[in-house]
């Protein structure tokens, strides 16, 4: 179980830092928001991420079948 948890944690660390931060924010607030407000927050976070350099590189990397180089911008 320890090796599997470590592998999972390492995979998470490779993710886009802006997306990870947005997910953490949504999770922290989820327990305190009404459903409509949580959906609004998620939509706003997604909108913010779509305009990021990391999003553009992630899409380009996917299309080029290469690993993305996230910079947190």
N, C-alpha and C. Protein backbone atom coordinates (compact mmCIF):
# COMPACT_ATOMS: atom_id res chain seq x y z
N UNK A 1 0.83 -1.20 0.00
CA UNK A 1 0.00 0.00 0.00
C UNK A 1 0.87 1.26 0.00
N UNK A 2 2.01 1.23 0.68
CA UNK A 2 2.88 2.39 0.74
C UNK A 2 3.43 2.78 -0.61
N UNK A 3 3.83 1.79 -1.41
CA UNK A 3 4.36 2.07 -2.74
C UNK A 3 3.29 2.66 -3.64
N UNK A 4 2.08 2.14 -3.54
CA UNK A 4 0.98 2.65 -4.36
C UNK A 4 0.65 4.09 -3.98
N UNK A 5 0.65 4.39 -2.69
CA UNK A 5 0.37 5.75 -2.23
C UNK A 5 1.47 6.70 -2.71
N UNK A 6 2.70 6.25 -2.65
CA UNK A 6 3.82 7.09 -3.11
C UNK A 6 3.70 7.36 -4.61
N UNK A 7 3.38 6.34 -5.38
CA UNK A 7 3.23 6.50 -6.83
C UNK A 7 2.11 7.49 -7.14
N UNK A 8 1.00 7.37 -6.41
CA UNK A 8 -0.13 8.26 -6.61
C UNK A 8 0.26 9.70 -6.26
N UNK A 9 0.98 9.87 -5.17
CA UNK A 9 1.42 11.21 -4.75
C UNK A 9 2.37 11.82 -5.77
N UNK A 10 3.27 11.02 -6.31
CA UNK A 10 4.20 11.53 -7.33
C UNK A 10 3.46 11.96 -8.59
N UNK A 11 2.44 11.21 -8.97
CA UNK A 11 1.64 11.59 -10.14
C UNK A 11 0.92 12.91 -9.89
N UNK A 12 0.41 13.09 -8.68
CA UNK A 12 -0.27 14.35 -8.35
C UNK A 12 0.70 15.53 -8.44
N UNK A 13 1.93 15.32 -8.03
CA UNK A 13 2.93 16.39 -8.05
C UNK A 13 3.28 16.84 -9.46
N UNK A 14 3.03 16.00 -10.45
CA UNK A 14 3.33 16.33 -11.84
C UNK A 14 2.24 17.20 -12.47
N UNK A 15 1.13 17.36 -11.79
CA UNK A 15 0.00 18.10 -12.34
C UNK A 15 0.26 19.59 -12.42
N UNK A 16 -0.66 20.26 -13.09
CA UNK A 16 -0.57 21.71 -13.25
C UNK A 16 -0.81 22.40 -11.91
N UNK A 17 0.12 23.22 -11.46
CA UNK A 17 -0.01 23.84 -10.15
C UNK A 17 -1.24 24.74 -10.01
N UNK A 18 -1.61 25.44 -11.07
CA UNK A 18 -2.80 26.30 -10.98
C UNK A 18 -4.07 25.46 -10.83
N UNK A 19 -4.14 24.36 -11.55
CA UNK A 19 -5.30 23.48 -11.46
C UNK A 19 -5.36 22.82 -10.08
N UNK A 20 -4.22 22.44 -9.55
CA UNK A 20 -4.19 21.85 -8.21
C UNK A 20 -4.65 22.86 -7.17
N UNK A 21 -4.20 24.09 -7.30
CA UNK A 21 -4.61 25.13 -6.35
C UNK A 21 -6.11 25.39 -6.44
N UNK A 22 -6.64 25.40 -7.66
CA UNK A 22 -8.08 25.61 -7.85
C UNK A 22 -8.87 24.46 -7.25
N UNK A 23 -8.40 23.24 -7.44
CA UNK A 23 -9.09 22.08 -6.87
C UNK A 23 -9.08 22.14 -5.35
N UNK A 24 -7.95 22.52 -4.77
CA UNK A 24 -7.87 22.64 -3.31
C UNK A 24 -8.83 23.70 -2.80
N UNK A 25 -8.89 24.83 -3.51
CA UNK A 25 -9.80 25.90 -3.10
C UNK A 25 -11.25 25.41 -3.14
N UNK A 26 -11.62 24.74 -4.23
CA UNK A 26 -12.99 24.23 -4.37
C UNK A 26 -13.31 23.23 -3.27
N UNK A 27 -12.37 22.35 -2.98
CA UNK A 27 -12.60 21.34 -1.94
C UNK A 27 -12.72 21.96 -0.56
N UNK A 28 -11.87 22.97 -0.28
CA UNK A 28 -11.94 23.63 1.02
C UNK A 28 -13.28 24.33 1.23
N UNK A 29 -13.83 24.90 0.17
CA UNK A 29 -15.07 25.67 0.30
C UNK A 29 -16.32 24.83 0.10
N UNK A 30 -16.18 23.64 -0.46
CA UNK A 30 -17.34 22.82 -0.83
C UNK A 30 -18.26 22.53 0.35
N UNK A 31 -17.71 22.28 1.50
CA UNK A 31 -18.53 21.95 2.66
C UNK A 31 -19.34 23.11 3.20
N UNK A 32 -19.00 24.32 2.81
CA UNK A 32 -19.65 25.50 3.36
C UNK A 32 -20.60 26.18 2.38
N UNK A 33 -20.59 25.73 1.13
CA UNK A 33 -21.38 26.40 0.10
C UNK A 33 -22.66 25.62 -0.22
N UNK A 34 -23.67 26.36 -0.60
CA UNK A 34 -24.86 25.74 -1.16
C UNK A 34 -24.49 25.22 -2.55
N UNK A 35 -25.24 24.26 -3.06
CA UNK A 35 -24.92 23.64 -4.34
C UNK A 35 -24.77 24.66 -5.46
N UNK A 36 -25.69 25.59 -5.57
CA UNK A 36 -25.61 26.59 -6.64
C UNK A 36 -24.34 27.43 -6.53
N UNK A 37 -23.97 27.79 -5.32
CA UNK A 37 -22.77 28.59 -5.11
C UNK A 37 -21.52 27.77 -5.42
N UNK A 38 -21.53 26.49 -5.09
CA UNK A 38 -20.39 25.61 -5.40
C UNK A 38 -20.23 25.46 -6.91
N UNK A 39 -21.34 25.33 -7.62
CA UNK A 39 -21.29 25.23 -9.09
C UNK A 39 -20.76 26.52 -9.69
N UNK A 40 -21.20 27.65 -9.15
CA UNK A 40 -20.71 28.95 -9.61
C UNK A 40 -19.21 29.09 -9.38
N UNK A 41 -18.75 28.68 -8.19
CA UNK A 41 -17.32 28.73 -7.88
C UNK A 41 -16.54 27.85 -8.86
N UNK A 42 -17.02 26.64 -9.10
CA UNK A 42 -16.32 25.75 -10.02
C UNK A 42 -16.23 26.35 -11.42
N UNK A 43 -17.32 26.93 -11.88
CA UNK A 43 -17.32 27.56 -13.21
C UNK A 43 -16.32 28.71 -13.28
N UNK A 44 -16.25 29.51 -12.20
CA UNK A 44 -15.31 30.64 -12.18
C UNK A 44 -13.87 30.14 -12.17
N UNK A 45 -13.60 29.12 -11.39
CA UNK A 45 -12.25 28.56 -11.34
C UNK A 45 -11.85 28.00 -12.70
N UNK A 46 -12.77 27.30 -13.35
CA UNK A 46 -12.48 26.76 -14.69
C UNK A 46 -12.21 27.89 -15.68
N UNK A 47 -13.02 28.94 -15.61
CA UNK A 47 -12.84 30.08 -16.51
C UNK A 47 -11.46 30.71 -16.32
N UNK A 48 -11.05 30.84 -15.07
CA UNK A 48 -9.72 31.39 -14.79
C UNK A 48 -8.62 30.50 -15.37
N UNK A 49 -8.77 29.20 -15.24
CA UNK A 49 -7.75 28.27 -15.73
C UNK A 49 -7.67 28.25 -17.25
N UNK A 50 -8.79 28.42 -17.92
CA UNK A 50 -8.81 28.38 -19.39
C UNK A 50 -7.93 29.49 -19.97
N UNK A 51 -7.79 30.57 -19.24
CA UNK A 51 -6.99 31.70 -19.73
C UNK A 51 -5.52 31.62 -19.32
N UNK A 52 -5.11 30.51 -18.74
CA UNK A 52 -3.73 30.40 -18.27
C UNK A 52 -2.81 29.82 -19.34
N UNK A 53 -1.54 30.15 -19.19
CA UNK A 53 -0.51 29.60 -20.07
C UNK A 53 -0.42 28.09 -19.89
N UNK A 54 -0.59 27.62 -18.66
CA UNK A 54 -0.55 26.18 -18.39
C UNK A 54 -1.64 25.44 -19.16
N UNK A 55 -2.83 26.02 -19.25
CA UNK A 55 -3.91 25.38 -19.99
C UNK A 55 -3.52 25.25 -21.46
N UNK A 56 -3.02 26.34 -22.03
CA UNK A 56 -2.62 26.31 -23.45
C UNK A 56 -1.53 25.27 -23.69
N UNK A 57 -0.55 25.22 -22.78
CA UNK A 57 0.52 24.24 -22.96
C UNK A 57 0.00 22.82 -22.76
N UNK A 58 -0.94 22.64 -21.83
CA UNK A 58 -1.51 21.31 -21.61
C UNK A 58 -2.23 20.80 -22.84
N UNK A 59 -3.01 21.66 -23.47
CA UNK A 59 -3.72 21.27 -24.70
C UNK A 59 -2.72 20.99 -25.82
N UNK A 60 -1.73 21.88 -25.97
CA UNK A 60 -0.72 21.69 -27.01
C UNK A 60 0.06 20.40 -26.79
N UNK A 61 0.39 20.11 -25.55
CA UNK A 61 1.13 18.89 -25.23
C UNK A 61 0.29 17.66 -25.54
N UNK A 62 -0.98 17.71 -25.21
CA UNK A 62 -1.87 16.59 -25.51
C UNK A 62 -1.93 16.34 -27.01
N UNK A 63 -2.12 17.41 -27.79
CA UNK A 63 -2.22 17.26 -29.23
C UNK A 63 -0.91 16.78 -29.85
N UNK A 64 0.21 17.20 -29.27
CA UNK A 64 1.53 16.80 -29.77
C UNK A 64 1.99 15.47 -29.16
N UNK A 65 1.18 14.93 -28.26
CA UNK A 65 1.51 13.67 -27.58
C UNK A 65 2.85 13.75 -26.85
N UNK A 66 3.00 14.87 -26.13
CA UNK A 66 4.19 15.07 -25.32
C UNK A 66 3.76 15.42 -23.90
N UNK A 67 4.70 15.39 -23.00
CA UNK A 67 4.43 15.73 -21.61
C UNK A 67 4.38 17.26 -21.48
N UNK A 68 3.38 17.80 -20.79
CA UNK A 68 3.30 19.26 -20.64
C UNK A 68 4.38 19.79 -19.71
N UNK A 69 4.71 21.06 -19.89
CA UNK A 69 5.69 21.73 -19.03
C UNK A 69 4.98 22.87 -18.31
N UNK A 70 4.31 22.54 -17.21
CA UNK A 70 3.54 23.53 -16.48
C UNK A 70 4.46 24.49 -15.73
N UNK A 71 4.11 25.78 -15.75
CA UNK A 71 4.93 26.81 -15.12
C UNK A 71 4.16 27.57 -14.04
N UNK A 72 2.90 27.24 -13.83
CA UNK A 72 2.12 27.94 -12.82
C UNK A 72 1.71 29.34 -13.27
N UNK A 73 1.58 29.53 -14.59
CA UNK A 73 1.19 30.84 -15.14
C UNK A 73 -0.02 30.66 -16.03
